[in-house]
Amino acid sequence: MSEFDVHDHRHELKQLRDSGRTSLWENREEMACPVCEDVFSRLFLTRQAGTTFPENDGARFCLLRDGDAVYLFRH
């Protein structure tokens, strides 16, 4: 897995939302995911330690970054 910098890929991504603390991007060029190498459709970026994703299919997700671990909770 390699590091990922949104600014290095700005021409391949379209910014959909930016709250100043989180941002949502659309993959316009069928760029591969740096984790699994499959094409991804959206990228959510947060610099917060904890983030809640709004419901979209009846489920809500919370993400917690704690030191070197990331926890994803599905409610």
PDB file of N, CA and C in Angstrom:
ATOM      1  N   MET A   1       0.852  -1.174   0.000  1.00  0.00           N
ATOM      2  CA  MET A   1       0.000   0.000   0.000  1.00  0.00           C
ATOM      3  C   MET A   1       0.895   1.233   0.000  1.00  0.00           C
ATOM      4  N   SER A   2       0.567   2.176  -0.856  1.00  0.00           N
ATOM      5  CA  SER A   2       1.350   3.396  -0.940  1.00  0.00           C
ATOM      6  C   SER A   2       0.578   4.563  -0.337  1.00  0.00           C
ATOM      7  N   GLU A   3       1.285   5.636  -0.052  1.00  0.00           N
ATOM      8  CA  GLU A   3       0.632   6.836   0.465  1.00  0.00           C
ATOM      9  C   GLU A   3      -0.167   7.495  -0.652  1.00  0.00           C
ATOM     10  N   PHE A   4      -1.149   8.290  -0.268  1.00  0.00           N
ATOM     11  CA  PHE A   4      -2.027   8.931  -1.239  1.00  0.00           C
ATOM     12  C   PHE A   4      -2.164  10.400  -0.880  1.00  0.00           C
ATOM     13  N   ASP A   5      -1.916  11.274  -1.838  1.00  0.00           N
ATOM     14  CA  ASP A   5      -2.061  12.714  -1.650  1.00  0.00           C
ATOM     15  C   ASP A   5      -3.068  13.220  -2.675  1.00  0.00           C
ATOM     16  N   VAL A   6      -4.192  13.742  -2.198  1.00  0.00           N
ATOM     17  CA  VAL A   6      -5.251  14.234  -3.086  1.00  0.00           C
ATOM     18  C   VAL A   6      -4.696  15.246  -4.075  1.00  0.00           C
ATOM     19  N   HIS A   7      -3.807  16.106  -3.631  1.00  0.00           N
ATOM     20  CA  HIS A   7      -3.296  17.165  -4.502  1.00  0.00           C
ATOM     21  C   HIS A   7      -2.463  16.615  -5.660  1.00  0.00           C
ATOM     22  N   ASP A   8      -1.862  15.453  -5.477  1.00  0.00           N
ATOM     23  CA  ASP A   8      -1.124  14.814  -6.571  1.00  0.00           C
ATOM     24  C   ASP A   8      -2.063  14.286  -7.653  1.00  0.00           C
ATOM     25  N   HIS A   9      -3.342  14.091  -7.294  1.00  0.00           N
ATOM     26  CA  HIS A   9      -4.320  13.503  -8.212  1.00  0.00           C
ATOM     27  C   HIS A   9      -5.480  14.454  -8.496  1.00  0.00           C
ATOM     28  N   ARG A  10      -5.291  15.735  -8.233  1.00  0.00           N
ATOM     29  CA  ARG A  10      -6.362  16.732  -8.348  1.00  0.00           C
ATOM     30  C   ARG A  10      -7.009  16.738  -9.729  1.00  0.00           C
ATOM     31  N   HIS A  11      -6.238  16.499 -10.779  1.00  0.00           N
ATOM     32  CA  HIS A  11      -6.785  16.514 -12.138  1.00  0.00           C
ATOM     33  C   HIS A  11      -7.651  15.283 -12.432  1.00  0.00           C
ATOM     34  N   GLU A  12      -7.550  14.245 -11.621  1.00  0.00           N
ATOM     35  CA  GLU A  12      -8.339  13.029 -11.806  1.00  0.00           C
ATOM     36  C   GLU A  12      -9.573  12.992 -10.908  1.00  0.00           C
ATOM     37  N   LEU A  13      -9.657  13.921  -9.962  1.00  0.00           N
ATOM     38  CA  LEU A  13     -10.733  13.950  -8.984  1.00  0.00           C
ATOM     39  C   LEU A  13     -11.567  15.218  -9.114  1.00  0.00           C
ATOM     40  N   LYS A  14     -12.845  15.108  -8.820  1.00  0.00           N
ATOM     41  CA  LYS A  14     -13.730  16.270  -8.766  1.00  0.00           C
ATOM     42  C   LYS A  14     -14.204  16.425  -7.329  1.00  0.00           C
ATOM     43  N   GLN A  15     -13.977  17.596  -6.768  1.00  0.00           N
ATOM     44  CA  GLN A  15     -14.404  17.833  -5.388  1.00  0.00           C
ATOM     45  C   GLN A  15     -15.901  18.076  -5.350  1.00  0.00           C
ATOM     46  N   LEU A  16     -16.606  17.281  -4.528  1.00  0.00           N
ATOM     47  CA  LEU A  16     -18.051  17.401  -4.397  1.00  0.00           C
ATOM     48  C   LEU A  16     -18.454  18.219  -3.176  1.00  0.00           C
ATOM     49  N   ARG A  17     -17.704  18.071  -2.073  1.00  0.00           N
ATOM     50  CA  ARG A  17     -17.980  18.811  -0.836  1.00  0.00           C
ATOM     51  C   ARG A  17     -16.694  19.085  -0.086  1.00  0.00           C
ATOM     52  N   ASP A  18     -16.683  20.202   0.630  1.00  0.00           N
ATOM     53  CA  ASP A  18     -15.539  20.530   1.485  1.00  0.00           C
ATOM     54  C   ASP A  18     -16.045  21.340   2.662  1.00  0.00           C
ATOM     55  N   SER A  19     -15.929  20.778   3.860  1.00  0.00           N
ATOM     56  CA  SER A  19     -16.387  21.477   5.060  1.00  0.00           C
ATOM     57  C   SER A  19     -15.236  22.184   5.770  1.00  0.00           C
ATOM     58  N   GLY A  20     -14.033  22.041   5.239  1.00  0.00           N
ATOM     59  CA  GLY A  20     -12.865  22.562   5.915  1.00  0.00           C
ATOM     60  C   GLY A  20     -12.193  21.502   6.769  1.00  0.00           C
ATOM     61  N   ARG A  21     -12.976  20.561   7.278  1.00  0.00           N
ATOM     62  CA  ARG A  21     -12.437  19.467   8.096  1.00  0.00           C
ATOM     63  C   ARG A  21     -12.563  18.117   7.400  1.00  0.00           C
ATOM     64  N   THR A  22     -13.534  18.025   6.485  1.00  0.00           N
ATOM     65  CA  THR A  22     -13.717  16.818   5.686  1.00  0.00           C
ATOM     66  C   THR A  22     -13.979  17.229   4.236  1.00  0.00           C
ATOM     67  N   SER A  23     -13.708  16.313   3.312  1.00  0.00           N
ATOM     68  CA  SER A  23     -14.021  16.584   1.911  1.00  0.00           C
ATOM     69  C   SER A  23     -14.429  15.286   1.223  1.00  0.00           C
ATOM     70  N   LEU A  24     -15.233  15.433   0.176  1.00  0.00           N
ATOM     71  CA  LEU A  24     -15.717  14.304  -0.602  1.00  0.00           C
ATOM     72  C   LEU A  24     -15.339  14.539  -2.059  1.00  0.00           C
ATOM     73  N   TRP A  25     -14.783  13.509  -2.692  1.00  0.00           N
ATOM     74  CA  TRP A  25     -14.271  13.607  -4.060  1.00  0.00           C
ATOM     75  C   TRP A  25     -14.861  12.505  -4.924  1.00  0.00           C
ATOM     76  N   GLU A  26     -15.045  12.802  -6.204  1.00  0.00           N
ATOM     77  CA  GLU A  26     -15.481  11.823  -7.195  1.00  0.00           C
ATOM     78  C   GLU A  26     -14.297  11.465  -8.078  1.00  0.00           C
ATOM     79  N   ASN A  27     -14.133  10.189  -8.351  1.00  0.00           N
ATOM     80  CA  ASN A  27     -13.066   9.703  -9.224  1.00  0.00           C
ATOM     81  C   ASN A  27     -13.542   9.845 -10.669  1.00  0.00           C
ATOM     82  N   ARG A  28     -12.966  10.768 -11.425  1.00  0.00           N
ATOM     83  CA  ARG A  28     -13.399  11.022 -12.800  1.00  0.00           C
ATOM     84  C   ARG A  28     -12.625  10.207 -13.831  1.00  0.00           C
ATOM     85  N   GLU A  29     -11.510   9.623 -13.462  1.00  0.00           N
ATOM     86  CA  GLU A  29     -10.622   8.975 -14.427  1.00  0.00           C
ATOM     87  C   GLU A  29     -10.413   7.480 -14.190  1.00  0.00           C
ATOM     88  N   GLU A  30     -11.291   6.841 -13.421  1.00  0.00           N
ATOM     89  CA  GLU A  30     -11.160   5.422 -13.098  1.00  0.00           C
ATOM     90  C   GLU A  30      -9.797   5.089 -12.486  1.00  0.00           C
ATOM     91  N   MET A  31      -9.367   5.954 -11.594  1.00  0.00           N
ATOM     92  CA  MET A  31      -8.112   5.772 -10.871  1.00  0.00           C
ATOM     93  C   MET A  31      -8.244   4.582  -9.920  1.00  0.00           C
ATOM     94  N   ALA A  32      -7.155   3.857  -9.739  1.00  0.00           N
ATOM     95  CA  ALA A  32      -7.153   2.684  -8.862  1.00  0.00           C
ATOM     96  C   ALA A  32      -6.990   3.100  -7.403  1.00  0.00           C
ATOM     97  N   CYS A  33      -7.625   2.341  -6.524  1.00  0.00           N
ATOM     98  CA  CYS A  33      -7.488   2.524  -5.082  1.00  0.00           C
ATOM     99  C   CYS A  33      -6.066   2.155  -4.671  1.00  0.00           C
ATOM    100  N   PRO A  34      -5.414   2.967  -3.846  1.00  0.00           N
ATOM    101  CA  PRO A  34      -4.051   2.644  -3.422  1.00  0.00           C
ATOM    102  C   PRO A  34      -3.972   1.461  -2.451  1.00  0.00           C
ATOM    103  N   VAL A  35      -5.112   1.008  -1.936  1.00  0.00           N
ATOM    104  CA  VAL A  35      -5.133  -0.115  -1.005  1.00  0.00           C
ATOM    105  C   VAL A  35      -5.295  -1.441  -1.742  1.00  0.00           C
ATOM    106  N   CYS A  36      -6.351  -1.547  -2.574  1.00  0.00           N
ATOM    107  CA  CYS A  36      -6.663  -2.828  -3.222  1.00  0.00           C
ATOM    108  C   CYS A  36      -6.422  -2.823  -4.730  1.00  0.00           C
ATOM    109  N   GLU A  37      -6.190  -1.659  -5.290  1.00  0.00           N
ATOM    110  CA  GLU A  37      -5.927  -1.455  -6.723  1.00  0.00           C
ATOM    111  C   GLU A  37      -7.159  -1.601  -7.607  1.00  0.00           C
ATOM    112  N   ASP A  38      -8.361  -1.745  -7.015  1.00  0.00           N
ATOM    113  CA  ASP A  38      -9.598  -1.698  -7.792  1.00  0.00           C
ATOM    114  C   ASP A  38      -9.985  -0.239  -7.997  1.00  0.00           C
ATOM    115  N   VAL A  39     -10.703   0.035  -9.068  1.00  0.00           N
ATOM    116  CA  VAL A  39     -11.185   1.395  -9.320  1.00  0.00           C
ATOM    117  C   VAL A  39     -12.185   1.765  -8.228  1.00  0.00           C
ATOM    118  N   PHE A  40     -12.092   2.978  -7.708  1.00  0.00           N
ATOM    119  CA  PHE A  40     -13.041   3.458  -6.703  1.00  0.00           C
ATOM    120  C   PHE A  40     -13.898   4.566  -7.304  1.00  0.00           C
ATOM    121  N   SER A  41     -15.072   4.811  -6.721  1.00  0.00           N
ATOM    122  CA  SER A  41     -15.956   5.848  -7.246  1.00  0.00           C
ATOM    123  C   SER A  41     -15.882   7.143  -6.449  1.00  0.00           C
ATOM    124  N   ARG A  42     -15.777   7.049  -5.131  1.00  0.00           N
ATOM    125  CA  ARG A  42     -15.741   8.232  -4.270  1.00  0.00           C
ATOM    126  C   ARG A  42     -14.614   8.101  -3.255  1.00  0.00           C
ATOM    127  N   LEU A  43     -14.117   9.237  -2.835  1.00  0.00           N
ATOM    128  CA  LEU A  43     -13.079   9.309  -1.810  1.00  0.00           C
ATOM    129  C   LEU A  43     -13.526  10.282  -0.740  1.00  0.00           C
ATOM    130  N   PHE A  44     -13.557   9.844   0.503  1.00  0.00           N
ATOM    131  CA  PHE A  44     -13.872  10.703   1.638  1.00  0.00           C
ATOM    132  C   PHE A  44     -12.579  10.959   2.383  1.00  0.00           C
ATOM    133  N   LEU A  45     -12.281  12.207   2.668  1.00  0.00           N
ATOM    134  CA  LEU A  45     -11.044  12.587   3.343  1.00  0.00           C
ATOM    135  C   LEU A  45     -11.382  13.332   4.628  1.00  0.00           C
ATOM    136  N   THR A  46     -10.761  12.926   5.718  1.00  0.00           N
ATOM    137  CA  THR A  46     -10.943  13.620   6.987  1.00  0.00           C
ATOM    138  C   THR A  46      -9.606  13.724   7.698  1.00  0.00           C
ATOM    139  N   ARG A  47      -9.417  14.810   8.387  1.00  0.00           N
ATOM    140  CA  ARG A  47      -8.236  14.990   9.220  1.00  0.00           C
ATOM    141  C   ARG A  47      -8.638  14.960  10.702  1.00  0.00           C
ATOM    142  N   GLN A  48      -9.931  14.704  10.930  1.00  0.00           N
ATOM    143  CA  GLN A  48     -10.453  14.612  12.290  1.00  0.00           C
ATOM    144  C   GLN A  48     -10.140  13.243  12.871  1.00  0.00           C
ATOM    145  N   ALA A  49     -10.025  13.165  14.184  1.00  0.00           N
ATOM    146  CA  ALA A  49      -9.795  11.872  14.837  1.00  0.00           C
ATOM    147  C   ALA A  49     -11.046  11.006  14.775  1.00  0.00           C
ATOM    148  N   GLY A  50     -12.226  11.626  14.802  1.00  0.00           N
ATOM    149  CA  GLY A  50     -13.486  10.892  14.743  1.00  0.00           C
ATOM    150  C   GLY A  50     -14.436  11.541  13.760  1.00  0.00           C
ATOM    151  N   THR A  51     -15.117  10.728  12.952  1.00  0.00           N
ATOM    152  CA  THR A  51     -16.025  11.223  11.926  1.00  0.00           C
ATOM    153  C   THR A  51     -17.232  10.307  11.855  1.00  0.00           C
ATOM    154  N   THR A  52     -18.433  10.880  11.661  1.00  0.00           N
ATOM    155  CA  THR A  52     -19.643  10.112  11.446  1.00  0.00           C
ATOM    156  C   THR A  52     -20.104  10.311  10.010  1.00  0.00           C
ATOM    157  N   PHE A  53     -20.387   9.210   9.330  1.00  0.00           N
ATOM    158  CA  PHE A  53     -20.905   9.259   7.971  1.00  0.00           C
ATOM    159  C   PHE A  53     -22.415   9.237   8.047  1.00  0.00           C
ATOM    160  N   PRO A  54     -23.091  10.114   7.334  1.00  0.00           N
ATOM    161  CA  PRO A  54     -24.556  10.119   7.386  1.00  0.00           C
ATOM    162  C   PRO A  54     -25.129   8.855   6.763  1.00  0.00           C
ATOM    163  N   GLU A  55     -26.360   8.547   7.174  1.00  0.00           N
ATOM    164  CA  GLU A  55     -27.039   7.375   6.628  1.00  0.00           C
ATOM    165  C   GLU A  55     -27.266   7.558   5.138  1.00  0.00           C
ATOM    166  N   ASN A  56     -27.040   6.489   4.375  1.00  0.00           N
ATOM    167  CA  ASN A  56     -27.360   6.535   2.959  1.00  0.00           C
ATOM    168  C   ASN A  56     -28.089   5.264   2.517  1.00  0.00           C
ATOM    169  N   ASP A  57     -27.921   4.193   3.244  1.00  0.00           N
ATOM    170  CA  ASP A  57     -28.649   2.959   2.933  1.00  0.00           C
ATOM    171  C   ASP A  57     -29.316   2.416   4.197  1.00  0.00           C
ATOM    172  N   GLY A  58     -29.593   3.318   5.125  1.00  0.00           N
ATOM    173  CA  GLY A  58     -30.183   2.907   6.389  1.00  0.00           C
ATOM    174  C   GLY A  58     -29.154   2.651   7.468  1.00  0.00           C
ATOM    175  N   ALA A  59     -27.881   2.640   7.100  1.00  0.00           N
ATOM    176  CA  ALA A  59     -26.807   2.406   8.066  1.00  0.00           C
ATOM    177  C   ALA A  59     -26.003   3.685   8.266  1.00  0.00           C
ATOM    178  N   ARG A  60     -25.482   3.825   9.454  1.00  0.00           N
ATOM    179  CA  ARG A  60     -24.610   4.951   9.759  1.00  0.00           C
ATOM    180  C   ARG A  60     -23.256   4.380  10.132  1.00  0.00           C
ATOM    181  N   PHE A  61     -22.192   5.028   9.706  1.00  0.00           N
ATOM    182  CA  PHE A  61     -20.841   4.584  10.000  1.00  0.00           C
ATOM    183  C   PHE A  61     -20.111   5.650  10.801  1.00  0.00           C
ATOM    184  N   CYS A  62     -19.301   5.215  11.752  1.00  0.00           N
ATOM    185  CA  CYS A  62     -18.419   6.112  12.486  1.00  0.00           C
ATOM    186  C   CYS A  62     -16.990   5.609  12.302  1.00  0.00           C
ATOM    187  N   LEU A  63     -16.090   6.524  12.097  1.00  0.00           N
ATOM    188  CA  LEU A  63     -14.691   6.209  11.870  1.00  0.00           C
ATOM    189  C   LEU A  63     -13.876   6.857  12.976  1.00  0.00           C
ATOM    190  N   LEU A  64     -13.000   6.070  13.607  1.00  0.00           N
ATOM    191  CA  LEU A  64     -12.145   6.576  14.674  1.00  0.00           C
ATOM    192  C   LEU A  64     -10.696   6.247  14.339  1.00  0.00           C
ATOM    193  N   ARG A  65      -9.864   7.282  14.290  1.00  0.00           N
ATOM    194  CA  ARG A  65      -8.427   7.092  14.091  1.00  0.00           C
ATOM    195  C   ARG A  65      -7.777   7.282  15.444  1.00  0.00           C
ATOM    196  N   ASP A  66      -7.064   6.274  15.907  1.00  0.00           N
ATOM    197  CA  ASP A  66      -6.445   6.310  17.225  1.00  0.00           C
ATOM    198  C   ASP A  66      -5.016   5.805  17.091  1.00  0.00           C
ATOM    199  N   GLY A  67      -4.064   6.716  17.106  1.00  0.00           N
ATOM    200  CA  GLY A  67      -2.674   6.331  16.931  1.00  0.00           C
ATOM    201  C   GLY A  67      -2.439   5.741  15.553  1.00  0.00           C
ATOM    202  N   ASP A  68      -2.012   4.503  15.514  1.00  0.00           N
ATOM    203  CA  ASP A  68      -1.732   3.878  14.224  1.00  0.00           C
ATOM    204  C   ASP A  68      -2.853   2.964  13.749  1.00  0.00           C
ATOM    205  N   ALA A  69      -4.032   3.061  14.372  1.00  0.00           N
ATOM    206  CA  ALA A  69      -5.158   2.220  13.993  1.00  0.00           C
ATOM    207  C   ALA A  69      -6.359   3.064  13.559  1.00  0.00           C
ATOM    208  N   VAL A  70      -7.163   2.498  12.662  1.00  0.00           N
ATOM    209  CA  VAL A  70      -8.421   3.119  12.231  1.00  0.00           C
ATOM    210  C   VAL A  70      -9.532   2.120  12.511  1.00  0.00           C
ATOM    211  N   TYR A  71     -10.598   2.577  13.170  1.00  0.00           N
ATOM    212  CA  TYR A  71     -11.724   1.735  13.522  1.00  0.00           C
ATOM    213  C   TYR A  71     -12.943   2.225  12.759  1.00  0.00           C
ATOM    214  N   LEU A  72     -13.685   1.314  12.120  1.00  0.00           N
ATOM    215  CA  LEU A  72     -14.897   1.638  11.404  1.00  0.00           C
ATOM    216  C   LEU A  72     -16.059   0.933  12.115  1.00  0.00           C
ATOM    217  N   PHE A  73     -17.013   1.722  12.610  1.00  0.00           N
ATOM    218  CA  PHE A  73     -18.173   1.188  13.322  1.00  0.00           C
ATOM    219  C   PHE A  73     -19.405   1.356  12.446  1.00  0.00           C
ATOM    220  N   ARG A  74     -20.159   0.271  12.260  1.00  0.00           N
ATOM    221  CA  ARG A  74     -21.410   0.334  11.502  1.00  0.00           C
ATOM    222  C   ARG A  74     -22.555   0.233  12.491  1.00  0.00           C
ATOM    223  N   HIS A  75     -23.504   1.166  12.437  1.00  0.00           N
ATOM    224  CA  HIS A  75     -24.657   1.206  13.353  1.00  0.00           C
ATOM    225  C   HIS A  75     -25.902   0.772  12.624  1.00  0.00           C
TER     226      HIS A  75
END
